[in-house]
Amino acid sequence: MKITKKNGNLVLFDDEKVAKSILKANAETGQETVTEKMAYAIANDVFSRLTAEQEIISTQDIRSCVNTVLLENGLPLTARQYMEYKK
């Protein structure tokens, strides 16, 4: 799956970047726990959901989907921090 970056460049989806962003956001909350395994599972879920929708997506699509998956997994503080981190 390809991603259109803000500057217009196309890059491949990188689940490691998504997982690391989730872990950084989670570390800022100090109240919720996301393990590395969980972060990669969430990143894989995001990839699966977005791949089913279209071939080329935007970074905003990723942010929105990550936020949704975090909320679905009972991680509202991490979701909020992730959205702040990715502004």
PDB file of N, CA and C in Angstrom:
ATOM      1  N   MET A   1       0.853  -1.177   0.000  1.00  0.00           N
ATOM      2  CA  MET A   1       0.000   0.000   0.000  1.00  0.00           C
ATOM      3  C   MET A   1       0.893   1.232   0.000  1.00  0.00           C
ATOM      4  N   LYS A   2       0.515   2.220  -0.798  1.00  0.00           N
ATOM      5  CA  LYS A   2       1.282   3.461  -0.876  1.00  0.00           C
ATOM      6  C   LYS A   2       0.575   4.577  -0.117  1.00  0.00           C
ATOM      7  N   ILE A   3       1.392   5.476   0.386  1.00  0.00           N
ATOM      8  CA  ILE A   3       0.894   6.604   1.167  1.00  0.00           C
ATOM      9  C   ILE A   3       1.323   7.896   0.491  1.00  0.00           C
ATOM     10  N   THR A   4       0.380   8.822   0.362  1.00  0.00           N
ATOM     11  CA  THR A   4       0.701  10.154  -0.113  1.00  0.00           C
ATOM     12  C   THR A   4       1.050  11.000   1.099  1.00  0.00           C
ATOM     13  N   LYS A   5       2.306  11.429   1.164  1.00  0.00           N
ATOM     14  CA  LYS A   5       2.766  12.259   2.275  1.00  0.00           C
ATOM     15  C   LYS A   5       2.256  13.690   2.087  1.00  0.00           C
ATOM     16  N   LYS A   6       2.386  14.514   3.121  1.00  0.00           N
ATOM     17  CA  LYS A   6       1.934  15.906   3.046  1.00  0.00           C
ATOM     18  C   LYS A   6       2.605  16.666   1.909  1.00  0.00           C
ATOM     19  N   ASN A   7       3.882  16.320   1.628  1.00  0.00           N
ATOM     20  CA  ASN A   7       4.615  17.020   0.572  1.00  0.00           C
ATOM     21  C   ASN A   7       4.329  16.455  -0.816  1.00  0.00           C
ATOM     22  N   GLY A   8       3.444  15.457  -0.900  1.00  0.00           N
ATOM     23  CA  GLY A   8       3.058  14.889  -2.178  1.00  0.00           C
ATOM     24  C   GLY A   8       3.831  13.646  -2.582  1.00  0.00           C
ATOM     25  N   ASN A   9       4.894  13.313  -1.874  1.00  0.00           N
ATOM     26  CA  ASN A   9       5.669  12.115  -2.182  1.00  0.00           C
ATOM     27  C   ASN A   9       4.870  10.863  -1.868  1.00  0.00           C
ATOM     28  N   LEU A  10       5.128   9.811  -2.643  1.00  0.00           N
ATOM     29  CA  LEU A  10       4.521   8.506  -2.379  1.00  0.00           C
ATOM     30  C   LEU A  10       5.557   7.611  -1.708  1.00  0.00           C
ATOM     31  N   VAL A  11       5.162   6.983  -0.605  1.00  0.00           N
ATOM     32  CA  VAL A  11       6.034   6.045   0.107  1.00  0.00           C
ATOM     33  C   VAL A  11       5.210   4.805   0.454  1.00  0.00           C
ATOM     34  N   LEU A  12       5.908   3.727   0.804  1.00  0.00           N
ATOM     35  CA  LEU A  12       5.220   2.509   1.220  1.00  0.00           C
ATOM     36  C   LEU A  12       4.808   2.601   2.682  1.00  0.00           C
ATOM     37  N   PHE A  13       3.708   1.959   3.028  1.00  0.00           N
ATOM     38  CA  PHE A  13       3.247   1.897   4.411  1.00  0.00           C
ATOM     39  C   PHE A  13       4.325   1.219   5.245  1.00  0.00           C
ATOM     40  N   ASP A  14       4.643   1.798   6.393  1.00  0.00           N
ATOM     41  CA  ASP A  14       5.673   1.253   7.280  1.00  0.00           C
ATOM     42  C   ASP A  14       5.052   1.002   8.647  1.00  0.00           C
ATOM     43  N   ASP A  15       4.744  -0.276   8.923  1.00  0.00           N
ATOM     44  CA  ASP A  15       4.089  -0.595  10.194  1.00  0.00           C
ATOM     45  C   ASP A  15       4.985  -0.261  11.384  1.00  0.00           C
ATOM     46  N   GLU A  16       6.292  -0.285  11.192  1.00  0.00           N
ATOM     47  CA  GLU A  16       7.210   0.048  12.283  1.00  0.00           C
ATOM     48  C   GLU A  16       7.053   1.514  12.700  1.00  0.00           C
ATOM     49  N   LYS A  17       6.909   2.406  11.727  1.00  0.00           N
ATOM     50  CA  LYS A  17       6.702   3.825  12.052  1.00  0.00           C
ATOM     51  C   LYS A  17       5.406   4.026  12.832  1.00  0.00           C
ATOM     52  N   VAL A  18       4.368   3.343  12.392  1.00  0.00           N
ATOM     53  CA  VAL A  18       3.076   3.464  13.062  1.00  0.00           C
ATOM     54  C   VAL A  18       3.175   2.930  14.488  1.00  0.00           C
ATOM     55  N   ALA A  19       3.775   1.757  14.652  1.00  0.00           N
ATOM     56  CA  ALA A  19       3.910   1.150  15.984  1.00  0.00           C
ATOM     57  C   ALA A  19       4.738   2.038  16.911  1.00  0.00           C
ATOM     58  N   LYS A  20       5.832   2.574  16.402  1.00  0.00           N
ATOM     59  CA  LYS A  20       6.683   3.442  17.238  1.00  0.00           C
ATOM     60  C   LYS A  20       5.949   4.722  17.638  1.00  0.00           C
ATOM     61  N   SER A  21       5.149   5.259  16.735  1.00  0.00           N
ATOM     62  CA  SER A  21       4.360   6.453  17.060  1.00  0.00           C
ATOM     63  C   SER A  21       3.348   6.152  18.158  1.00  0.00           C
ATOM     64  N   ILE A  22       2.739   4.980  18.082  1.00  0.00           N
ATOM     65  CA  ILE A  22       1.781   4.572  19.112  1.00  0.00           C
ATOM     66  C   ILE A  22       2.485   4.427  20.452  1.00  0.00           C
ATOM     67  N   LEU A  23       3.653   3.801  20.449  1.00  0.00           N
ATOM     68  CA  LEU A  23       4.409   3.615  21.695  1.00  0.00           C
ATOM     69  C   LEU A  23       4.839   4.951  22.297  1.00  0.00           C
ATOM     70  N   LYS A  24       5.265   5.890  21.454  1.00  0.00           N
ATOM     71  CA  LYS A  24       5.654   7.221  21.955  1.00  0.00           C
ATOM     72  C   LYS A  24       4.456   7.936  22.567  1.00  0.00           C
ATOM     73  N   ALA A  25       3.326   7.873  21.878  1.00  0.00           N
ATOM     74  CA  ALA A  25       2.117   8.511  22.398  1.00  0.00           C
ATOM     75  C   ALA A  25       1.708   7.880  23.716  1.00  0.00           C
ATOM     76  N   ASN A  26       1.782   6.561  23.786  1.00  0.00           N
ATOM     77  CA  ASN A  26       1.406   5.855  24.999  1.00  0.00           C
ATOM     78  C   ASN A  26       2.320   6.217  26.155  1.00  0.00           C
ATOM     79  N   ALA A  27       3.603   6.345  25.903  1.00  0.00           N
ATOM     80  CA  ALA A  27       4.558   6.688  26.962  1.00  0.00           C
ATOM     81  C   ALA A  27       4.231   8.036  27.584  1.00  0.00           C
ATOM     82  N   GLU A  28       3.661   8.927  26.799  1.00  0.00           N
ATOM     83  CA  GLU A  28       3.298  10.257  27.290  1.00  0.00           C
ATOM     84  C   GLU A  28       2.096  10.233  28.230  1.00  0.00           C
ATOM     85  N   THR A  29       1.258   9.202  28.132  1.00  0.00           N
ATOM     86  CA  THR A  29       0.050   9.175  28.961  1.00  0.00           C
ATOM     87  C   THR A  29       0.378   8.846  30.411  1.00  0.00           C
ATOM     88  N   GLY A  30       1.312   7.933  30.616  1.00  0.00           N
ATOM     89  CA  GLY A  30       1.667   7.523  31.968  1.00  0.00           C
ATOM     90  C   GLY A  30       0.577   6.744  32.688  1.00  0.00           C
ATOM     91  N   GLN A  31      -0.525   6.456  32.005  1.00  0.00           N
ATOM     92  CA  GLN A  31      -1.643   5.784  32.666  1.00  0.00           C
ATOM     93  C   GLN A  31      -2.098   4.523  31.956  1.00  0.00           C
ATOM     94  N   GLU A  32      -1.907   4.457  30.656  1.00  0.00           N
ATOM     95  CA  GLU A  32      -2.306   3.280  29.896  1.00  0.00           C
ATOM     96  C   GLU A  32      -1.040   2.531  29.474  1.00  0.00           C
ATOM     97  N   THR A  33      -1.176   1.221  29.316  1.00  0.00           N
ATOM     98  CA  THR A  33      -0.029   0.423  28.922  1.00  0.00           C
ATOM     99  C   THR A  33      -0.256  -0.208  27.559  1.00  0.00           C
ATOM    100  N   VAL A  34       0.645   0.095  26.642  1.00  0.00           N
ATOM    101  CA  VAL A  34       0.655  -0.531  25.335  1.00  0.00           C
ATOM    102  C   VAL A  34       2.019  -1.191  25.181  1.00  0.00           C
ATOM    103  N   THR A  35       2.019  -2.504  24.991  1.00  0.00           N
ATOM    104  CA  THR A  35       3.275  -3.209  24.780  1.00  0.00           C
ATOM    105  C   THR A  35       3.688  -3.077  23.315  1.00  0.00           C
ATOM    106  N   GLU A  36       4.931  -3.419  23.035  1.00  0.00           N
ATOM    107  CA  GLU A  36       5.409  -3.388  21.656  1.00  0.00           C
ATOM    108  C   GLU A  36       4.579  -4.338  20.790  1.00  0.00           C
ATOM    109  N   LYS A  37       4.252  -5.491  21.340  1.00  0.00           N
ATOM    110  CA  LYS A  37       3.432  -6.469  20.615  1.00  0.00           C
ATOM    111  C   LYS A  37       2.059  -5.882  20.283  1.00  0.00           C
ATOM    112  N   MET A  38       1.451  -5.183  21.241  1.00  0.00           N
ATOM    113  CA  MET A  38       0.149  -4.555  21.015  1.00  0.00           C
ATOM    114  C   MET A  38       0.248  -3.475  19.944  1.00  0.00           C
ATOM    115  N   ALA A  39       1.319  -2.669  20.012  1.00  0.00           N
ATOM    116  CA  ALA A  39       1.491  -1.577  19.051  1.00  0.00           C
ATOM    117  C   ALA A  39       1.598  -2.117  17.628  1.00  0.00           C
ATOM    118  N   TYR A  40       2.342  -3.210  17.458  1.00  0.00           N
ATOM    119  CA  TYR A  40       2.451  -3.819  16.129  1.00  0.00           C
ATOM    120  C   TYR A  40       1.139  -4.455  15.689  1.00  0.00           C
ATOM    121  N   ALA A  41       0.397  -5.019  16.617  1.00  0.00           N
ATOM    122  CA  ALA A  41      -0.909  -5.589  16.284  1.00  0.00           C
ATOM    123  C   ALA A  41      -1.859  -4.488  15.817  1.00  0.00           C
ATOM    124  N   ILE A  42      -1.819  -3.348  16.480  1.00  0.00           N
ATOM    125  CA  ILE A  42      -2.654  -2.214  16.083  1.00  0.00           C
ATOM    126  C   ILE A  42      -2.223  -1.718  14.704  1.00  0.00           C
ATOM    127  N   ALA A  43      -0.921  -1.610  14.477  1.00  0.00           N
ATOM    128  CA  ALA A  43      -0.407  -1.166  13.168  1.00  0.00           C
ATOM    129  C   ALA A  43      -0.854  -2.130  12.068  1.00  0.00           C
ATOM    130  N   ASN A  44      -0.819  -3.423  12.346  1.00  0.00           N
ATOM    131  CA  ASN A  44      -1.260  -4.414  11.360  1.00  0.00           C
ATOM    132  C   ASN A  44      -2.758  -4.317  11.102  1.00  0.00           C
ATOM    133  N   ASP A  45      -3.521  -4.037  12.152  1.00  0.00           N
ATOM    134  CA  ASP A  45      -4.960  -3.854  11.998  1.00  0.00           C
ATOM    135  C   ASP A  45      -5.238  -2.640  11.109  1.00  0.00           C
ATOM    136  N   VAL A  46      -4.514  -1.553  11.354  1.00  0.00           N
ATOM    137  CA  VAL A  46      -4.657  -0.337  10.547  1.00  0.00           C
ATOM    138  C   VAL A  46      -4.349  -0.658   9.078  1.00  0.00           C
ATOM    139  N   PHE A  47      -3.253  -1.362   8.851  1.00  0.00           N
ATOM    140  CA  PHE A  47      -2.868  -1.738   7.486  1.00  0.00           C
ATOM    141  C   PHE A  47      -3.982  -2.546   6.816  1.00  0.00           C
ATOM    142  N   SER A  48      -4.509  -3.530   7.527  1.00  0.00           N
ATOM    143  CA  SER A  48      -5.567  -4.380   6.970  1.00  0.00           C
ATOM    144  C   SER A  48      -6.814  -3.581   6.620  1.00  0.00           C
ATOM    145  N   ARG A  49      -7.204  -2.712   7.515  1.00  0.00           N
ATOM    146  CA  ARG A  49      -8.409  -1.907   7.275  1.00  0.00           C
ATOM    147  C   ARG A  49      -8.230  -0.981   6.080  1.00  0.00           C
ATOM    148  N   LEU A  50      -7.082  -0.324   6.017  1.00  0.00           N
ATOM    149  CA  LEU A  50      -6.867   0.644   4.946  1.00  0.00           C
ATOM    150  C   LEU A  50      -6.624  -0.028   3.598  1.00  0.00           C
ATOM    151  N   THR A  51      -5.981  -1.179   3.604  1.00  0.00           N
ATOM    152  CA  THR A  51      -5.739  -1.921   2.368  1.00  0.00           C
ATOM    153  C   THR A  51      -7.056  -2.350   1.744  1.00  0.00           C
ATOM    154  N   ALA A  52      -8.011  -2.681   2.572  1.00  0.00           N
ATOM    155  CA  ALA A  52      -9.325  -3.110   2.078  1.00  0.00           C
ATOM    156  C   ALA A  52     -10.057  -1.964   1.396  1.00  0.00           C
ATOM    157  N   GLU A  53      -9.726  -0.733   1.756  1.00  0.00           N
ATOM    158  CA  GLU A  53     -10.445   0.430   1.224  1.00  0.00           C
ATOM    159  C   GLU A  53      -9.887   0.927  -0.104  1.00  0.00           C
ATOM    160  N   GLN A  54      -8.554   1.085  -0.180  1.00  0.00           N
ATOM    161  CA  GLN A  54      -7.962   1.655  -1.381  1.00  0.00           C
ATOM    162  C   GLN A  54      -6.474   1.346  -1.464  1.00  0.00           C
ATOM    163  N   GLU A  55      -5.907   1.594  -2.629  1.00  0.00           N
ATOM    164  CA  GLU A  55      -4.507   1.273  -2.870  1.00  0.00           C
ATOM    165  C   GLU A  55      -3.565   2.375  -2.412  1.00  0.00           C
ATOM    166  N   ILE A  56      -3.977   3.632  -2.574  1.00  0.00           N
ATOM    167  CA  ILE A  56      -3.160   4.780  -2.158  1.00  0.00           C
ATOM    168  C   ILE A  56      -3.960   5.554  -1.124  1.00  0.00           C
ATOM    169  N   ILE A  57      -3.322   5.811   0.025  1.00  0.00           N
ATOM    170  CA  ILE A  57      -3.992   6.514   1.115  1.00  0.00           C
ATOM    171  C   ILE A  57      -3.160   7.723   1.528  1.00  0.00           C
ATOM    172  N   SER A  58      -3.729   8.566   2.359  1.00  0.00           N
ATOM    173  CA  SER A  58      -3.012   9.745   2.858  1.00  0.00           C
ATOM    174  C   SER A  58      -2.564   9.512   4.299  1.00  0.00           C
ATOM    175  N   THR A  59      -1.666  10.349   4.753  1.00  0.00           N
ATOM    176  CA  THR A  59      -1.240  10.257   6.152  1.00  0.00           C
ATOM    177  C   THR A  59      -2.417  10.540   7.068  1.00  0.00           C
ATOM    178  N   GLN A  60      -3.351  11.385   6.637  1.00  0.00           N
ATOM    179  CA  GLN A  60      -4.546  11.670   7.434  1.00  0.00           C
ATOM    180  C   GLN A  60      -5.407  10.420   7.589  1.00  0.00           C
ATOM    181  N   ASP A  61      -5.488   9.618   6.537  1.00  0.00           N
ATOM    182  CA  ASP A  61      -6.230   8.355   6.616  1.00  0.00           C
ATOM    183  C   ASP A  61      -5.628   7.454   7.691  1.00  0.00           C
ATOM    184  N   ILE A  62      -4.305   7.406   7.738  1.00  0.00           N
ATOM    185  CA  ILE A  62      -3.624   6.583   8.737  1.00  0.00           C
ATOM    186  C   ILE A  62      -3.914   7.107  10.131  1.00  0.00           C
ATOM    187  N   ARG A  63      -3.753   8.414  10.343  1.00  0.00           N
ATOM    188  CA  ARG A  63      -4.013   9.009  11.664  1.00  0.00           C
ATOM    189  C   ARG A  63      -5.421   8.698  12.134  1.00  0.00           C
ATOM    190  N   SER A  64      -6.369   8.881  11.252  1.00  0.00           N
ATOM    191  CA  SER A  64      -7.768   8.643  11.609  1.00  0.00           C
ATOM    192  C   SER A  64      -8.007   7.180  11.969  1.00  0.00           C
ATOM    193  N   CYS A  65      -7.452   6.279  11.192  1.00  0.00           N
ATOM    194  CA  CYS A  65      -7.643   4.855  11.445  1.00  0.00           C
ATOM    195  C   CYS A  65      -6.951   4.431  12.742  1.00  0.00           C
ATOM    196  N   VAL A  66      -5.732   4.917  12.982  1.00  0.00           N
ATOM    197  CA  VAL A  66      -5.032   4.594  14.228  1.00  0.00           C
ATOM    198  C   VAL A  66      -5.857   5.071  15.412  1.00  0.00           C
ATOM    199  N   ASN A  67      -6.379   6.283  15.323  1.00  0.00           N
ATOM    200  CA  ASN A  67      -7.205   6.829  16.393  1.00  0.00           C
ATOM    201  C   ASN A  67      -8.408   5.928  16.657  1.00  0.00           C
ATOM    202  N   THR A  68      -9.081   5.506  15.612  1.00  0.00           N
ATOM    203  CA  THR A  68     -10.242   4.634  15.745  1.00  0.00           C
ATOM    204  C   THR A  68      -9.870   3.307  16.412  1.00  0.00           C
ATOM    205  N   VAL A  69      -8.784   2.696  15.956  1.00  0.00           N
ATOM    206  CA  VAL A  69      -8.378   1.398  16.501  1.00  0.00           C
ATOM    207  C   VAL A  69      -7.958   1.539  17.965  1.00  0.00           C
ATOM    208  N   LEU A  70      -7.264   2.614  18.305  1.00  0.00           N
ATOM    209  CA  LEU A  70      -6.882   2.835  19.704  1.00  0.00           C
ATOM    210  C   LEU A  70      -8.128   2.965  20.581  1.00  0.00           C
ATOM    211  N   LEU A  71      -9.101   3.724  20.120  1.00  0.00           N
ATOM    212  CA  LEU A  71     -10.338   3.883  20.891  1.00  0.00           C
ATOM    213  C   LEU A  71     -11.076   2.552  21.028  1.00  0.00           C
ATOM    214  N   GLU A  72     -11.122   1.780  19.956  1.00  0.00           N
ATOM    215  CA  GLU A  72     -11.779   0.472  19.992  1.00  0.00           C
ATOM    216  C   GLU A  72     -11.091  -0.483  20.969  1.00  0.00           C
ATOM    217  N   ASN A  73      -9.797  -0.270  21.199  1.00  0.00           N
ATOM    218  CA  ASN A  73      -9.028  -1.117  22.101  1.00  0.00           C
ATOM    219  C   ASN A  73      -8.982  -0.556  23.527  1.00  0.00           C
ATOM    220  N   GLY A  74      -9.828   0.428  23.809  1.00  0.00           N
ATOM    221  CA  GLY A  74      -9.925   0.965  25.161  1.00  0.00           C
ATOM    222  C   GLY A  74      -8.732   1.804  25.579  1.00  0.00           C
ATOM    223  N   LEU A  75      -8.156   2.534  24.627  1.00  0.00           N
ATOM    224  CA  LEU A  75      -6.979   3.361  24.905  1.00  0.00           C
ATOM    225  C   LEU A  75      -7.234   4.829  24.538  1.00  0.00           C
ATOM    226  N   PRO A  76      -8.206   5.465  25.197  1.00  0.00           N
ATOM    227  CA  PRO A  76      -8.559   6.834  24.827  1.00  0.00           C
ATOM    228  C   PRO A  76      -7.452   7.856  25.095  1.00  0.00           C
ATOM    229  N   LEU A  77      -6.680   7.673  26.156  1.00  0.00           N
ATOM    230  CA  LEU A  77      -5.604   8.619  26.455  1.00  0.00           C
ATOM    231  C   LEU A  77      -4.488   8.520  25.417  1.00  0.00           C
ATOM    232  N   THR A  78      -4.180   7.304  25.014  1.00  0.00           N
ATOM    233  CA  THR A  78      -3.170   7.109  23.981  1.00  0.00           C
ATOM    234  C   THR A  78      -3.661   7.675  22.654  1.00  0.00           C
ATOM    235  N   ALA A  79      -4.938   7.481  22.356  1.00  0.00           N
ATOM    236  CA  ALA A  79      -5.521   8.016  21.122  1.00  0.00           C
ATOM    237  C   ALA A  79      -5.410   9.539  21.101  1.00  0.00           C
ATOM    238  N   ARG A  80      -5.753  10.168  22.202  1.00  0.00           N
ATOM    239  CA  ARG A  80      -5.674  11.628  22.283  1.00  0.00           C
ATOM    240  C   ARG A  80      -4.235  12.103  22.111  1.00  0.00           C
ATOM    241  N   GLN A  81      -3.302  11.445  22.799  1.00  0.00           N
ATOM    242  CA  GLN A  81      -1.905  11.831  22.714  1.00  0.00           C
ATOM    243  C   GLN A  81      -1.345  11.580  21.308  1.00  0.00           C
ATOM    244  N   TYR A  82      -1.780  10.501  20.679  1.00  0.00           N
ATOM    245  CA  TYR A  82      -1.345  10.193  19.307  1.00  0.00           C
ATOM    246  C   TYR A  82      -1.759  11.301  18.352  1.00  0.00           C
ATOM    247  N   MET A  83      -2.998  11.750  18.490  1.00  0.00           N
ATOM    248  CA  MET A  83      -3.483  12.816  17.602  1.00  0.00           C
ATOM    249  C   MET A  83      -2.713  14.117  17.844  1.00  0.00           C
ATOM    250  N   GLU A  84      -2.367  14.406  19.083  1.00  0.00           N
ATOM    251  CA  GLU A  84      -1.567  15.593  19.392  1.00  0.00           C
ATOM    252  C   GLU A  84      -0.161  15.460  18.819  1.00  0.00           C
ATOM    253  N   TYR A  85       0.406  14.274  18.984  1.00  0.00           N
ATOM    254  CA  TYR A  85       1.767  13.995  18.525  1.00  0.00           C
ATOM    255  C   TYR A  85       1.878  14.095  17.023  1.00  0.00           C
ATOM    256  N   LYS A  86       0.840  13.710  16.309  1.00  0.00           N
ATOM    257  CA  LYS A  86       0.883  13.663  14.845  1.00  0.00           C
ATOM    258  C   LYS A  86       0.354  14.929  14.176  1.00  0.00           C
ATOM    259  N   LYS A  87       0.129  15.991  14.914  1.00  0.00           N
ATOM    260  CA  LYS A  87      -0.365  17.239  14.290  1.00  0.00           C
ATOM    261  C   LYS A  87       0.644  17.826  13.363  1.00  0.00           C
TER     262      LYS A  87
END
